[in-house]
Amino acid sequence: MLKRIAKTILFLPVALFAVLLILLAVANRHDTMLSLDPLTPEQPAFFLNVPLFWLLFAALGIGIILGGFGAWARQGKWRKQARSNRREARSLRYETERLKEEVEAASPPRPGLPAPGSKRAA
């Protein structure tokens, strides 16, 4: 029951965002000239006539990609620290195993406690 409520709460903002995107696309269907020639705006050498919502969605997508790349680049020091910690843990684990084997090989086997029913127990 609690999972269903949580899913509903998480789904509502996504659904609202989708509805807003659809409304934006419907309201901005007219063609817009995209020109990459700033010197001659009347007769550009290269231009595209595309719906305005495509330009808006492209700008949104590029912003998301650049923001994700920026966050990934900013977290590089933590990834580097995690790799270093992993290497150190691996070497310490290896050293611990090696030292355990050395101790077991160097020390003679000690007798354990006698069994409860044996004559030595009394």
Protein backbone atom coordinates (compact mmCIF):
# COMPACT_ATOMS: atom_id res chain seq x y z
CA MET A 1 0.00 0.00 0.00
CA LEU A 2 2.80 2.39 0.93
CA LYS A 3 4.66 1.60 -2.30
CA ARG A 4 1.59 2.44 -4.32
CA ILE A 5 1.24 5.81 -2.59
CA ALA A 6 4.93 6.56 -3.14
CA LYS A 7 4.67 5.65 -6.83
CA THR A 8 1.63 7.91 -7.19
CA ILE A 9 3.41 10.80 -5.48
CA LEU A 10 6.42 10.34 -7.77
CA PHE A 11 4.28 9.92 -10.87
CA LEU A 12 2.27 13.13 -10.43
CA PRO A 13 5.14 15.62 -11.09
CA VAL A 14 6.30 13.56 -14.09
CA ALA A 15 2.77 13.52 -15.52
CA LEU A 16 2.37 17.25 -14.91
CA PHE A 17 5.70 17.93 -16.64
CA ALA A 18 4.65 15.78 -19.61
CA VAL A 19 1.35 17.66 -19.91
CA LEU A 20 3.20 20.99 -19.80
CA LEU A 21 5.58 19.81 -22.54
CA ILE A 22 2.66 18.75 -24.72
CA LEU A 23 0.97 22.12 -24.19
CA LEU A 24 4.23 23.89 -25.06
CA ALA A 25 4.59 21.86 -28.25
CA VAL A 26 0.98 22.52 -29.31
CA ALA A 27 1.25 26.25 -28.60
CA ASN A 28 4.54 26.63 -30.52
CA ARG A 29 3.91 24.62 -33.69
CA HIS A 30 4.67 27.41 -36.17
CA ASP A 31 7.88 27.28 -38.19
CA THR A 32 10.82 29.38 -37.15
CA MET A 33 13.92 30.08 -39.21
CA LEU A 34 17.08 28.89 -37.51
CA SER A 35 20.01 30.72 -39.07
CA LEU A 36 23.67 30.24 -38.23
CA ASP A 37 24.78 33.23 -40.34
CA PRO A 38 24.93 36.41 -38.22
CA LEU A 39 26.23 38.65 -41.05
CA THR A 40 23.30 38.41 -43.45
CA PRO A 41 20.08 37.78 -41.53
CA GLU A 42 17.87 38.55 -44.58
CA GLN A 43 19.53 35.99 -46.88
CA PRO A 44 21.46 33.53 -44.69
CA ALA A 45 23.75 31.01 -46.33
CA PHE A 46 22.50 28.20 -44.13
CA PHE A 47 19.14 28.06 -42.41
CA LEU A 48 16.50 25.60 -41.29
CA ASN A 49 12.78 26.11 -40.97
CA VAL A 50 11.78 24.04 -37.94
CA PRO A 51 8.91 24.20 -35.48
CA LEU A 52 9.76 26.33 -32.45
CA PHE A 53 9.08 23.51 -29.97
CA TRP A 54 11.87 21.45 -31.59
CA LEU A 55 14.30 24.25 -30.81
CA LEU A 56 13.01 24.47 -27.24
CA PHE A 57 13.25 20.71 -26.72
CA ALA A 58 16.73 20.64 -28.26
CA ALA A 59 17.86 23.43 -25.92
CA LEU A 60 16.37 21.54 -22.97
CA GLY A 61 18.08 18.29 -24.01
CA ILE A 62 21.45 19.98 -24.54
CA GLY A 63 21.12 21.65 -21.14
CA ILE A 64 20.40 18.32 -19.46
CA ILE A 65 23.38 16.67 -21.17
CA LEU A 66 25.76 19.53 -20.31
CA GLY A 67 24.50 19.63 -16.72
CA GLY A 68 24.98 15.87 -16.36
CA PHE A 69 28.49 16.10 -17.79
CA GLY A 70 29.31 18.98 -15.42
CA ALA A 71 28.08 17.01 -12.39
CA TRP A 72 30.03 13.94 -13.53
CA ALA A 73 33.21 16.00 -13.97
CA ARG A 74 32.79 17.64 -10.55
CA GLN A 75 32.53 14.24 -8.86
CA GLY A 76 35.86 13.06 -10.30
CA LYS A 77 37.78 13.57 -7.07
CA TRP A 78 35.39 11.29 -5.18
CA ARG A 79 35.65 8.59 -7.85
CA LYS A 80 39.44 8.85 -7.68
CA GLN A 81 39.33 8.55 -3.88
CA ALA A 82 37.03 5.51 -4.14
CA ARG A 83 39.45 3.81 -6.57
CA SER A 84 42.34 4.54 -4.21
CA ASN A 85 40.40 3.17 -1.22
CA ARG A 86 39.47 0.05 -3.19
CA ARG A 87 43.11 -0.58 -4.08
CA GLU A 88 44.20 -0.04 -0.49
CA ALA A 89 41.49 -2.37 0.85
CA ARG A 90 42.51 -5.04 -1.66
CA SER A 91 46.18 -4.82 -0.65
CA LEU A 92 45.31 -4.85 3.07
CA ARG A 93 43.05 -7.87 2.55
CA TYR A 94 45.88 -9.67 0.76
CA GLU A 95 48.32 -8.76 3.54
CA THR A 96 45.89 -9.97 6.22
CA GLU A 97 45.46 -13.31 4.45
CA ARG A 98 49.23 -13.68 4.10
CA LEU A 99 49.85 -12.90 7.79
CA LYS A 100 47.14 -15.35 8.89
CA GLU A 101 48.78 -18.08 6.83
CA GLU A 102 52.19 -17.22 8.34
CA VAL A 103 50.83 -17.34 11.90
CA GLU A 104 49.06 -20.65 11.29
CA ALA A 105 52.20 -22.15 9.76
CA ALA A 106 54.53 -20.89 12.51
CA SER A 107 52.49 -21.84 15.56
CA PRO A 108 52.03 -25.51 16.48
CA PRO A 109 48.46 -26.70 16.71
CA ARG A 110 47.19 -26.18 20.22
CA PRO A 111 45.05 -28.83 21.80
CA GLY A 112 41.46 -27.82 22.22
CA LEU A 113 39.26 -28.41 25.20
CA PRO A 114 38.55 -32.05 25.96
CA ALA A 115 35.24 -33.48 24.95
CA PRO A 116 32.58 -33.37 27.66
CA GLY A 117 32.42 -37.13 28.08
CA SER A 118 36.19 -37.86 28.10
CA LYS A 119 38.25 -38.87 31.16
CA ARG A 120 40.42 -35.74 30.86
CA ALA A 121 37.38 -33.52 31.36
CA ALA A 122 37.01 -34.50 35.01
